[in-house]
Amino acid sequence: MNPEVLAQIPETLTYEDSGRQLPLRDHPFVKDAPDLPTFVKTAFDAHREVGARIPVRLRATNDAEKVTELAEWKKNHLPKLYEGGFLARPPASPDDYNDVVKRPEKLPDGFGWNEEYVKDFKTIMHKHGVPKDAIPELLALHERTLTGAQTSLKTSNEAGLAALKAEYGDKYDELREATKRLTNMIFKTPDELAFFESLGLGDHADFLSVMMRLAPLAQADSSFFASQGPQGGPGALTGDDVRQELAKIATDKTHPMHDGYLRNDPKVMDHIEGLYKRAYGDKKVEIV
C-alpha cells in the first residue's frame, strides 16, 4: 500500500500475535494491499463471507422461523466447529458420561451418592452440551463445596462442645452418659435410632446442650425410668431384633451405618453396643 496511506494508520492501532501487540499497518493484509480501495473491498468481502458462514446475529428466540433457522445452523455448523477443534464435542447421550461421573473420593461421611441424582445430573449436562472434560472439574468443585461446609460445621460444633465442657466441668462426662441413656429411651426402634445417628445429632453440641438439661430432670423422676422397664419396657428390643438390625447394618449398602460398620467406626460400634444393652441390659453378650 502507498506509504503515505500507511502512515495515516496510527501505530497505536494494533493486533495480537502470540501474546504480542503489533502495529496493524505492518500486517501483510494491510501492508501488501495495492491501494486503499482494493484493501477496503477485500476487507468487506471477507466480512460478508464470514457473516454468511457464521451468522453471529442469530439469537435464540420464540419466533418459530428463527428457532428453525437456529436449529438448522447448529446442525450444519457445530460439527465443523467440533472437527476444527474450536469447540469440545459433547457426548452423544447422557450414558456417555458414565466413565467421568464418579463419586468423589473425599466425599464426607454422611453424604450419600444418590444414583437418581446422578442420572439427573448427566441428563442436564447432556441437555446443555457440556463436554466430558468439564465434568471432573464440576465434581471437584462439588466436593470442595461439601467439604468446606462440613469443615465449617465441624469447627462450629467443636466450639460448642468446648463451651459445654467449660460449663459443666467435671460433671460433663456424667451428664453425657445420662444423655446417651435418655436418647436410647426416646428413640425406641432401630430405624428411629439409625435415622437419628445418620443425622449426626448424637454428638452435636446444640442437641447435647438441650439433653444435658433434660437428663437430670429425667433422672430425678424415678417413675420415668421405671416406666421404661429394665431394658426399655414396651419399646425394648429382643435379641432377634438386635441381630436383624445388625445384619442390615453389615450387609445393606444403603443403610446409613453400613460404611461406618466396615470401617469399625466407633460411633457405629457404640450404637450396636447400645442395641444389645437395650435387649439384654448389663448382661455380657458377645457382639457378633
C-alpha atoms as a PDB file:
ATOM      1  CA  MET A   1       0.000   0.000   0.000  1.00  0.00           C
ATOM      2  CA  ASN A   2       1.121   3.550  -0.584  1.00  0.00           C
ATOM      3  CA  PRO A   3       3.488   4.568   2.273  1.00  0.00           C
ATOM      4  CA  GLU A   4       1.593   7.828   2.653  1.00  0.00           C
ATOM      5  CA  VAL A   5      -1.652   5.919   3.233  1.00  0.00           C
ATOM      6  CA  LEU A   6       0.044   3.517   5.662  1.00  0.00           C
ATOM      7  CA  ALA A   7       1.432   6.479   7.583  1.00  0.00           C
ATOM      8  CA  GLN A   8      -2.136   7.620   8.264  1.00  0.00           C
ATOM      9  CA  ILE A   9      -2.771   4.413  10.247  1.00  0.00           C
ATOM     10  CA  PRO A  10      -1.592   5.190  13.827  1.00  0.00           C
ATOM     11  CA  GLU A  11       0.920   2.883  15.498  1.00  0.00           C
ATOM     12  CA  THR A  12      -1.444   2.579  18.448  1.00  0.00           C
ATOM     13  CA  LEU A  13      -3.853   0.618  16.244  1.00  0.00           C
ATOM     14  CA  THR A  14      -2.570  -2.913  16.920  1.00  0.00           C
ATOM     15  CA  TYR A  15      -3.418  -6.582  16.612  1.00  0.00           C
ATOM     16  CA  GLU A  16      -2.407  -9.521  18.838  1.00  0.00           C
ATOM     17  CA  ASP A  17       0.092 -12.117  17.670  1.00  0.00           C
ATOM     18  CA  SER A  18       1.289 -14.815  20.091  1.00  0.00           C
ATOM     19  CA  GLY A  19       0.605 -12.566  23.043  1.00  0.00           C
ATOM     20  CA  ARG A  20       2.309  -9.528  21.484  1.00  0.00           C
ATOM     21  CA  GLN A  21       0.636  -6.331  20.310  1.00  0.00           C
ATOM     22  CA  LEU A  22       1.935  -5.393  16.835  1.00  0.00           C
ATOM     23  CA  PRO A  23       1.114  -2.367  14.628  1.00  0.00           C
ATOM     24  CA  LEU A  24      -1.805  -3.216  12.353  1.00  0.00           C
ATOM     25  CA  ARG A  25      -0.256  -1.296   9.463  1.00  0.00           C
ATOM     26  CA  ASP A  26       2.672  -3.792   9.448  1.00  0.00           C
ATOM     27  CA  HIS A  27       0.370  -6.789   8.922  1.00  0.00           C
ATOM     28  CA  PRO A  28       0.660  -8.238   5.382  1.00  0.00           C
ATOM     29  CA  PHE A  29      -3.118  -7.971   4.937  1.00  0.00           C
ATOM     30  CA  VAL A  30      -2.782  -4.209   5.264  1.00  0.00           C
ATOM     31  CA  LYS A  31       0.772  -3.530   4.088  1.00  0.00           C
ATOM     32  CA  ASP A  32       0.575  -5.658   0.922  1.00  0.00           C
ATOM     33  CA  ALA A  33      -2.723  -4.237  -0.304  1.00  0.00           C
ATOM     34  CA  PRO A  34      -2.008  -2.464  -3.634  1.00  0.00           C
ATOM     35  CA  ASP A  35      -4.148   0.538  -2.737  1.00  0.00           C
ATOM     36  CA  LEU A  36      -6.820   1.724  -0.302  1.00  0.00           C
ATOM     37  CA  PRO A  37      -9.876   0.924  -2.493  1.00  0.00           C
ATOM     38  CA  THR A  38      -8.648  -2.660  -3.010  1.00  0.00           C
ATOM     39  CA  PHE A  39      -7.996  -3.032   0.726  1.00  0.00           C
ATOM     40  CA  VAL A  40     -11.494  -1.794   1.615  1.00  0.00           C
ATOM     41  CA  LYS A  41     -13.129  -4.095  -0.984  1.00  0.00           C
ATOM     42  CA  THR A  42     -11.123  -7.126   0.199  1.00  0.00           C
ATOM     43  CA  ALA A  43     -11.968  -6.428   3.857  1.00  0.00           C
ATOM     44  CA  PHE A  44     -15.664  -6.035   3.049  1.00  0.00           C
ATOM     45  CA  ASP A  45     -15.777  -9.262   1.029  1.00  0.00           C
ATOM     46  CA  ALA A  46     -14.085 -11.114   3.907  1.00  0.00           C
ATOM     47  CA  HIS A  47     -16.568  -9.656   6.356  1.00  0.00           C
ATOM     48  CA  ARG A  48     -19.516 -10.687   4.196  1.00  0.00           C
ATOM     49  CA  GLU A  49     -18.108 -14.212   3.731  1.00  0.00           C
ATOM     50  CA  VAL A  50     -17.667 -14.735   7.466  1.00  0.00           C
ATOM     51  CA  GLY A  51     -21.114 -13.304   8.131  1.00  0.00           C
ATOM     52  CA  ALA A  52     -22.647 -15.677   5.600  1.00  0.00           C
ATOM     53  CA  ARG A  53     -20.944 -18.700   7.146  1.00  0.00           C
ATOM     54  CA  ILE A  54     -21.332 -17.729  10.808  1.00  0.00           C
ATOM     55  CA  PRO A  55     -24.418 -15.569  11.344  1.00  0.00           C
ATOM     56  CA  VAL A  56     -23.360 -14.049  14.664  1.00  0.00           C
ATOM     57  CA  ARG A  57     -26.552 -12.013  14.912  1.00  0.00           C
ATOM     58  CA  LEU A  58     -28.663 -15.137  15.063  1.00  0.00           C
ATOM     59  CA  ARG A  59     -30.010 -15.463  18.620  1.00  0.00           C
ATOM     60  CA  ALA A  60     -32.380 -17.764  20.432  1.00  0.00           C
ATOM     61  CA  THR A  61     -35.961 -16.525  20.133  1.00  0.00           C
ATOM     62  CA  ASN A  62     -39.550 -17.673  20.450  1.00  0.00           C
ATOM     63  CA  ASP A  63     -40.181 -16.857  16.814  1.00  0.00           C
ATOM     64  CA  ALA A  64     -40.827 -20.213  15.112  1.00  0.00           C
ATOM     65  CA  GLU A  65     -38.962 -19.264  11.944  1.00  0.00           C
ATOM     66  CA  LYS A  66     -35.895 -18.110  13.877  1.00  0.00           C
ATOM     67  CA  VAL A  67     -35.969 -21.201  16.094  1.00  0.00           C
ATOM     68  CA  THR A  68     -35.919 -23.393  12.993  1.00  0.00           C
ATOM     69  CA  GLU A  69     -33.149 -21.294  11.457  1.00  0.00           C
ATOM     70  CA  LEU A  70     -31.052 -21.536  14.597  1.00  0.00           C
ATOM     71  CA  ALA A  71     -31.551 -25.298  14.834  1.00  0.00           C
ATOM     72  CA  GLU A  72     -30.548 -25.665  11.193  1.00  0.00           C
ATOM     73  CA  TRP A  73     -27.436 -23.557  11.730  1.00  0.00           C
ATOM     74  CA  LYS A  74     -26.395 -25.684  14.715  1.00  0.00           C
ATOM     75  CA  LYS A  75     -26.943 -28.841  12.705  1.00  0.00           C
ATOM     76  CA  ASN A  76     -24.832 -27.627   9.790  1.00  0.00           C
ATOM     77  CA  HIS A  77     -22.069 -25.688  11.522  1.00  0.00           C
ATOM     78  CA  LEU A  78     -21.471 -27.062  15.029  1.00  0.00           C
ATOM     79  CA  PRO A  79     -19.968 -30.336  13.673  1.00  0.00           C
ATOM     80  CA  LYS A  80     -17.472 -28.246  11.691  1.00  0.00           C
ATOM     81  CA  LEU A  81     -16.515 -26.319  14.810  1.00  0.00           C
ATOM     82  CA  TYR A  82     -16.110 -29.586  16.727  1.00  0.00           C
ATOM     83  CA  GLU A  83     -13.965 -31.106  13.980  1.00  0.00           C
ATOM     84  CA  GLY A  84     -11.852 -27.972  13.765  1.00  0.00           C
ATOM     85  CA  GLY A  85     -11.198 -28.030  17.496  1.00  0.00           C
ATOM     86  CA  PHE A  86     -12.905 -24.682  18.130  1.00  0.00           C
ATOM     87  CA  LEU A  87     -15.443 -26.310  20.458  1.00  0.00           C
ATOM     88  CA  ALA A  88     -15.302 -29.503  22.529  1.00  0.00           C
ATOM     89  CA  ARG A  89     -17.753 -32.066  21.203  1.00  0.00           C
ATOM     90  CA  PRO A  90     -20.369 -33.028  23.842  1.00  0.00           C
ATOM     91  CA  PRO A  91     -21.286 -36.709  24.391  1.00  0.00           C
ATOM     92  CA  ALA A  92     -23.907 -38.258  22.147  1.00  0.00           C
ATOM     93  CA  SER A  93     -26.048 -39.377  25.111  1.00  0.00           C
ATOM     94  CA  PRO A  94     -26.191 -38.975  28.920  1.00  0.00           C
ATOM     95  CA  ASP A  95     -24.776 -42.503  29.353  1.00  0.00           C
ATOM     96  CA  ASP A  96     -21.562 -41.417  27.638  1.00  0.00           C
ATOM     97  CA  TYR A  97     -20.729 -39.501  30.825  1.00  0.00           C
ATOM     98  CA  ASN A  98     -20.557 -42.761  32.815  1.00  0.00           C
ATOM     99  CA  ASP A  99     -16.769 -43.005  32.745  1.00  0.00           C
ATOM    100  CA  VAL A 100     -16.273 -39.495  34.159  1.00  0.00           C
ATOM    101  CA  VAL A 101     -19.217 -39.096  36.547  1.00  0.00           C
ATOM    102  CA  LYS A 102     -17.823 -40.853  39.600  1.00  0.00           C
ATOM    103  CA  ARG A 103     -18.297 -40.474  43.329  1.00  0.00           C
ATOM    104  CA  PRO A 104     -15.695 -38.015  44.686  1.00  0.00           C
ATOM    105  CA  GLU A 105     -13.057 -39.842  46.735  1.00  0.00           C
ATOM    106  CA  LYS A 106     -13.161 -37.312  49.575  1.00  0.00           C
ATOM    107  CA  LEU A 107     -16.941 -37.084  49.841  1.00  0.00           C
ATOM    108  CA  PRO A 108     -17.602 -36.523  53.562  1.00  0.00           C
ATOM    109  CA  ASP A 109     -19.160 -39.268  55.672  1.00  0.00           C
ATOM    110  CA  GLY A 110     -22.923 -38.952  55.740  1.00  0.00           C
ATOM    111  CA  PHE A 111     -23.119 -37.524  52.213  1.00  0.00           C
ATOM    112  CA  GLY A 112     -24.591 -40.281  50.078  1.00  0.00           C
ATOM    113  CA  TRP A 113     -24.158 -40.868  46.350  1.00  0.00           C
ATOM    114  CA  ASN A 114     -27.721 -40.977  45.045  1.00  0.00           C
ATOM    115  CA  GLU A 115     -27.942 -42.705  41.668  1.00  0.00           C
ATOM    116  CA  GLU A 116     -31.189 -40.922  40.797  1.00  0.00           C
ATOM    117  CA  TYR A 117     -29.492 -37.558  41.273  1.00  0.00           C
ATOM    118  CA  VAL A 118     -26.501 -38.782  39.272  1.00  0.00           C
ATOM    119  CA  LYS A 119     -28.841 -39.726  36.428  1.00  0.00           C
ATOM    120  CA  ASP A 120     -30.451 -36.276  36.529  1.00  0.00           C
ATOM    121  CA  PHE A 121     -27.010 -34.639  36.573  1.00  0.00           C
ATOM    122  CA  LYS A 122     -25.921 -36.486  33.421  1.00  0.00           C
ATOM    123  CA  THR A 123     -29.189 -35.645  31.687  1.00  0.00           C
ATOM    124  CA  ILE A 124     -28.790 -31.936  32.441  1.00  0.00           C
ATOM    125  CA  MET A 125     -25.144 -31.910  31.334  1.00  0.00           C
ATOM    126  CA  HIS A 126     -26.123 -33.562  28.029  1.00  0.00           C
ATOM    127  CA  LYS A 127     -29.058 -31.204  27.507  1.00  0.00           C
ATOM    128  CA  HIS A 128     -26.759 -28.179  27.683  1.00  0.00           C
ATOM    129  CA  GLY A 129     -23.937 -29.747  25.679  1.00  0.00           C
ATOM    130  CA  VAL A 130     -21.369 -29.806  28.485  1.00  0.00           C
ATOM    131  CA  PRO A 131     -18.190 -31.558  27.292  1.00  0.00           C
ATOM    132  CA  LYS A 132     -16.843 -34.527  29.240  1.00  0.00           C
ATOM    133  CA  ASP A 133     -13.633 -32.685  30.090  1.00  0.00           C
ATOM    134  CA  ALA A 134     -15.624 -30.282  32.262  1.00  0.00           C
ATOM    135  CA  ILE A 135     -17.225 -32.988  34.427  1.00  0.00           C
ATOM    136  CA  PRO A 136     -14.215 -33.796  36.698  1.00  0.00           C
ATOM    137  CA  GLU A 137     -13.824 -30.080  37.405  1.00  0.00           C
ATOM    138  CA  LEU A 138     -17.519 -29.717  38.250  1.00  0.00           C
ATOM    139  CA  LEU A 139     -17.381 -32.736  40.577  1.00  0.00           C
ATOM    140  CA  ALA A 140     -14.202 -31.419  42.209  1.00  0.00           C
ATOM    141  CA  LEU A 141     -15.976 -28.108  42.843  1.00  0.00           C
ATOM    142  CA  HIS A 142     -18.942 -30.016  44.303  1.00  0.00           C
ATOM    143  CA  GLU A 143     -16.566 -31.929  46.573  1.00  0.00           C
ATOM    144  CA  ARG A 144     -14.856 -28.746  47.770  1.00  0.00           C
ATOM    145  CA  THR A 145     -18.246 -27.199  48.478  1.00  0.00           C
ATOM    146  CA  LEU A 146     -19.332 -30.140  50.625  1.00  0.00           C
ATOM    147  CA  THR A 147     -16.039 -30.493  52.476  1.00  0.00           C
ATOM    148  CA  GLY A 148     -15.936 -26.753  53.059  1.00  0.00           C
ATOM    149  CA  ALA A 149     -19.428 -26.810  54.552  1.00  0.00           C
ATOM    150  CA  GLN A 150     -18.526 -29.841  56.673  1.00  0.00           C
ATOM    151  CA  THR A 151     -15.363 -28.150  57.960  1.00  0.00           C
ATOM    152  CA  SER A 152     -17.360 -25.062  58.898  1.00  0.00           C
ATOM    153  CA  LEU A 153     -19.984 -27.131  60.724  1.00  0.00           C
ATOM    154  CA  LYS A 154     -17.315 -29.223  62.453  1.00  0.00           C
ATOM    155  CA  THR A 155     -15.494 -26.114  63.666  1.00  0.00           C
ATOM    156  CA  SER A 156     -18.733 -24.629  64.970  1.00  0.00           C
ATOM    157  CA  ASN A 157     -19.649 -27.904  66.710  1.00  0.00           C
ATOM    158  CA  GLU A 158     -16.209 -28.248  68.304  1.00  0.00           C
ATOM    159  CA  ALA A 159     -16.542 -24.754  69.727  1.00  0.00           C
ATOM    160  CA  GLY A 160     -19.992 -25.683  71.095  1.00  0.00           C
ATOM    161  CA  LEU A 161     -18.668 -28.869  72.749  1.00  0.00           C
ATOM    162  CA  ALA A 162     -15.803 -26.907  74.308  1.00  0.00           C
ATOM    163  CA  ALA A 163     -18.354 -24.462  75.746  1.00  0.00           C
ATOM    164  CA  LEU A 164     -20.384 -27.355  77.237  1.00  0.00           C
ATOM    165  CA  LYS A 165     -17.276 -28.865  78.839  1.00  0.00           C
ATOM    166  CA  ALA A 166     -16.415 -25.494  80.333  1.00  0.00           C
ATOM    167  CA  GLU A 167     -19.994 -25.042  81.565  1.00  0.00           C
ATOM    168  CA  TYR A 168     -20.369 -28.442  83.266  1.00  0.00           C
ATOM    169  CA  GLY A 169     -16.758 -29.059  84.249  1.00  0.00           C
ATOM    170  CA  ASP A 170     -16.195 -32.419  85.961  1.00  0.00           C
ATOM    171  CA  LYS A 171     -19.919 -33.196  85.587  1.00  0.00           C
ATOM    172  CA  TYR A 172     -19.661 -33.241  81.792  1.00  0.00           C
ATOM    173  CA  ASP A 173     -18.872 -36.966  81.343  1.00  0.00           C
ATOM    174  CA  GLU A 174     -21.580 -37.965  83.804  1.00  0.00           C
ATOM    175  CA  LEU A 175     -24.197 -35.851  82.059  1.00  0.00           C
ATOM    176  CA  ARG A 176     -23.029 -37.049  78.662  1.00  0.00           C
ATOM    177  CA  GLU A 177     -23.603 -40.659  79.741  1.00  0.00           C
ATOM    178  CA  ALA A 178     -27.028 -39.782  81.153  1.00  0.00           C
ATOM    179  CA  THR A 179     -27.854 -38.082  77.858  1.00  0.00           C
ATOM    180  CA  LYS A 180     -26.979 -41.238  75.898  1.00  0.00           C
ATOM    181  CA  ARG A 181     -29.243 -43.292  78.133  1.00  0.00           C
ATOM    182  CA  LEU A 182     -32.085 -40.819  77.749  1.00  0.00           C
ATOM    183  CA  THR A 183     -31.608 -40.739  73.983  1.00  0.00           C
ATOM    184  CA  ASN A 184     -31.882 -44.536  73.787  1.00  0.00           C
ATOM    185  CA  MET A 185     -35.199 -44.300  75.612  1.00  0.00           C
ATOM    186  CA  ILE A 186     -36.552 -41.607  73.317  1.00  0.00           C
ATOM    187  CA  PHE A 187     -35.613 -43.394  70.070  1.00  0.00           C
ATOM    188  CA  LYS A 188     -37.016 -46.851  70.694  1.00  0.00           C
ATOM    189  CA  THR A 189     -36.819 -48.618  67.338  1.00  0.00           C
ATOM    190  CA  PRO A 190     -33.643 -49.440  65.400  1.00  0.00           C
ATOM    191  CA  ASP A 191     -34.900 -47.433  62.408  1.00  0.00           C
ATOM    192  CA  GLU A 192     -35.548 -44.372  64.564  1.00  0.00           C
ATOM    193  CA  LEU A 193     -32.135 -44.593  66.167  1.00  0.00           C
ATOM    194  CA  ALA A 194     -30.382 -45.266  62.850  1.00  0.00           C
ATOM    195  CA  PHE A 195     -32.014 -42.185  61.352  1.00  0.00           C
ATOM    196  CA  PHE A 196     -31.039 -40.135  64.372  1.00  0.00           C
ATOM    197  CA  GLU A 197     -27.427 -41.316  64.194  1.00  0.00           C
ATOM    198  CA  SER A 198     -27.236 -40.761  60.429  1.00  0.00           C
ATOM    199  CA  LEU A 199     -28.030 -37.073  61.001  1.00  0.00           C
ATOM    200  CA  GLY A 200     -25.087 -36.814  63.377  1.00  0.00           C
ATOM    201  CA  LEU A 201     -27.247 -35.304  66.122  1.00  0.00           C
ATOM    202  CA  GLY A 202     -25.901 -37.580  68.846  1.00  0.00           C
ATOM    203  CA  ASP A 203     -22.667 -35.589  69.062  1.00  0.00           C
ATOM    204  CA  HIS A 204     -23.993 -32.187  68.081  1.00  0.00           C
ATOM    205  CA  ALA A 205     -23.407 -29.519  70.696  1.00  0.00           C
ATOM    206  CA  ASP A 206     -26.842 -27.883  70.328  1.00  0.00           C
ATOM    207  CA  PHE A 207     -28.645 -31.208  70.807  1.00  0.00           C
ATOM    208  CA  LEU A 208     -26.402 -32.185  73.725  1.00  0.00           C
ATOM    209  CA  SER A 209     -26.978 -28.824  75.354  1.00  0.00           C
ATOM    210  CA  VAL A 210     -30.736 -29.462  75.452  1.00  0.00           C
ATOM    211  CA  MET A 211     -30.418 -33.111  76.501  1.00  0.00           C
ATOM    212  CA  MET A 212     -27.924 -32.318  79.268  1.00  0.00           C
ATOM    213  CA  ARG A 213     -30.523 -30.029  80.806  1.00  0.00           C
ATOM    214  CA  LEU A 214     -33.246 -32.665  80.480  1.00  0.00           C
ATOM    215  CA  ALA A 215     -31.245 -35.691  81.668  1.00  0.00           C
ATOM    216  CA  PRO A 216     -31.016 -34.630  85.347  1.00  0.00           C
ATOM    217  CA  LEU A 217     -34.762 -33.972  85.384  1.00  0.00           C
ATOM    218  CA  ALA A 218     -35.442 -37.453  83.988  1.00  0.00           C
ATOM    219  CA  GLN A 219     -33.037 -38.997  86.496  1.00  0.00           C
ATOM    220  CA  ALA A 220     -34.767 -37.184  89.339  1.00  0.00           C
ATOM    221  CA  ASP A 221     -38.114 -38.639  88.244  1.00  0.00           C
ATOM    222  CA  SER A 222     -37.763 -42.313  89.193  1.00  0.00           C
ATOM    223  CA  SER A 223     -41.148 -43.070  87.645  1.00  0.00           C
ATOM    224  CA  PHE A 224     -39.777 -42.168  84.192  1.00  0.00           C
ATOM    225  CA  PHE A 225     -37.029 -44.772  84.216  1.00  0.00           C
ATOM    226  CA  ALA A 226     -39.254 -47.297  85.963  1.00  0.00           C
ATOM    227  CA  SER A 227     -41.813 -46.968  83.175  1.00  0.00           C
ATOM    228  CA  GLN A 228     -39.177 -47.994  80.679  1.00  0.00           C
ATOM    229  CA  GLY A 229     -38.589 -51.379  82.312  1.00  0.00           C
ATOM    230  CA  PRO A 230     -35.169 -52.919  82.882  1.00  0.00           C
ATOM    231  CA  GLN A 231     -34.394 -52.948  79.160  1.00  0.00           C
ATOM    232  CA  GLY A 232     -36.697 -50.221  77.990  1.00  0.00           C
ATOM    233  CA  GLY A 233     -40.196 -51.596  78.763  1.00  0.00           C
ATOM    234  CA  PRO A 234     -42.744 -51.679  75.939  1.00  0.00           C
ATOM    235  CA  GLY A 235     -40.245 -50.302  73.478  1.00  0.00           C
ATOM    236  CA  ALA A 236     -37.492 -52.759  74.378  1.00  0.00           C
ATOM    237  CA  LEU A 237     -35.705 -54.822  71.758  1.00  0.00           C
ATOM    238  CA  THR A 238     -35.446 -58.572  71.635  1.00  0.00           C
ATOM    239  CA  GLY A 239     -32.243 -60.402  70.803  1.00  0.00           C
ATOM    240  CA  ASP A 240     -33.702 -61.221  67.384  1.00  0.00           C
ATOM    241  CA  ASP A 241     -34.467 -57.537  66.804  1.00  0.00           C
ATOM    242  CA  VAL A 242     -30.865 -56.675  67.518  1.00  0.00           C
ATOM    243  CA  ARG A 243     -29.467 -59.423  65.309  1.00  0.00           C
ATOM    244  CA  GLN A 244     -31.745 -58.439  62.430  1.00  0.00           C
ATOM    245  CA  GLU A 245     -30.702 -54.806  62.733  1.00  0.00           C
ATOM    246  CA  LEU A 246     -27.036 -55.778  62.911  1.00  0.00           C
ATOM    247  CA  ALA A 247     -27.470 -57.907  59.774  1.00  0.00           C
ATOM    248  CA  LYS A 248     -28.923 -54.892  57.964  1.00  0.00           C
ATOM    249  CA  ILE A 249     -26.053 -52.679  59.046  1.00  0.00           C
ATOM    250  CA  ALA A 250     -23.487 -55.265  57.995  1.00  0.00           C
ATOM    251  CA  THR A 251     -24.950 -56.244  54.609  1.00  0.00           C
ATOM    252  CA  ASP A 252     -27.253 -53.465  53.369  1.00  0.00           C
ATOM    253  CA  LYS A 253     -25.143 -50.954  51.416  1.00  0.00           C
ATOM    254  CA  THR A 254     -27.961 -48.389  51.585  1.00  0.00           C
ATOM    255  CA  HIS A 255     -28.049 -48.463  55.379  1.00  0.00           C
ATOM    256  CA  PRO A 256     -26.706 -45.137  56.751  1.00  0.00           C
ATOM    257  CA  MET A 257     -24.330 -47.013  59.083  1.00  0.00           C
ATOM    258  CA  HIS A 258     -23.038 -49.629  56.630  1.00  0.00           C
ATOM    259  CA  ASP A 259     -19.904 -47.748  55.551  1.00  0.00           C
ATOM    260  CA  GLY A 260     -19.052 -46.906  59.145  1.00  0.00           C
ATOM    261  CA  TYR A 261     -19.510 -50.529  60.173  1.00  0.00           C
ATOM    262  CA  LEU A 262     -16.974 -51.671  57.574  1.00  0.00           C
ATOM    263  CA  ARG A 263     -14.511 -49.091  58.940  1.00  0.00           C
ATOM    264  CA  ASN A 264     -15.218 -50.074  62.556  1.00  0.00           C
ATOM    265  CA  ASP A 265     -16.370 -46.532  63.174  1.00  0.00           C
ATOM    266  CA  PRO A 266     -16.563 -46.032  66.983  1.00  0.00           C
ATOM    267  CA  LYS A 267     -19.939 -44.312  66.663  1.00  0.00           C
ATOM    268  CA  VAL A 268     -21.414 -47.287  64.847  1.00  0.00           C
ATOM    269  CA  MET A 269     -19.863 -49.727  67.317  1.00  0.00           C
ATOM    270  CA  ASP A 270     -21.319 -47.716  70.219  1.00  0.00           C
ATOM    271  CA  HIS A 271     -24.700 -47.786  68.501  1.00  0.00           C
ATOM    272  CA  ILE A 272     -24.564 -51.576  68.144  1.00  0.00           C
ATOM    273  CA  GLU A 273     -23.487 -51.973  71.762  1.00  0.00           C
ATOM    274  CA  GLY A 274     -26.403 -49.770  72.769  1.00  0.00           C
ATOM    275  CA  LEU A 275     -28.806 -52.035  70.882  1.00  0.00           C
ATOM    276  CA  TYR A 276     -27.527 -55.064  72.812  1.00  0.00           C
ATOM    277  CA  LYS A 277     -27.878 -53.184  76.076  1.00  0.00           C
ATOM    278  CA  ARG A 278     -31.470 -52.351  75.266  1.00  0.00           C
ATOM    279  CA  ALA A 279     -32.162 -56.018  74.669  1.00  0.00           C
ATOM    280  CA  TYR A 280     -30.051 -57.597  77.419  1.00  0.00           C
ATOM    281  CA  GLY A 281     -29.371 -54.802  79.876  1.00  0.00           C
ATOM    282  CA  ASP A 282     -25.973 -55.164  81.560  1.00  0.00           C
ATOM    283  CA  LYS A 283     -25.648 -58.863  80.782  1.00  0.00           C
ATOM    284  CA  LYS A 284     -22.459 -59.773  78.995  1.00  0.00           C
ATOM    285  CA  VAL A 285     -23.381 -60.702  75.447  1.00  0.00           C
ATOM    286  CA  GLU A 286     -20.847 -61.258  72.709  1.00  0.00           C
ATOM    287  CA  ILE A 287     -21.370 -58.890  69.782  1.00  0.00           C
ATOM    288  CA  VAL A 288     -21.131 -60.836  66.524  1.00  0.00           C
END
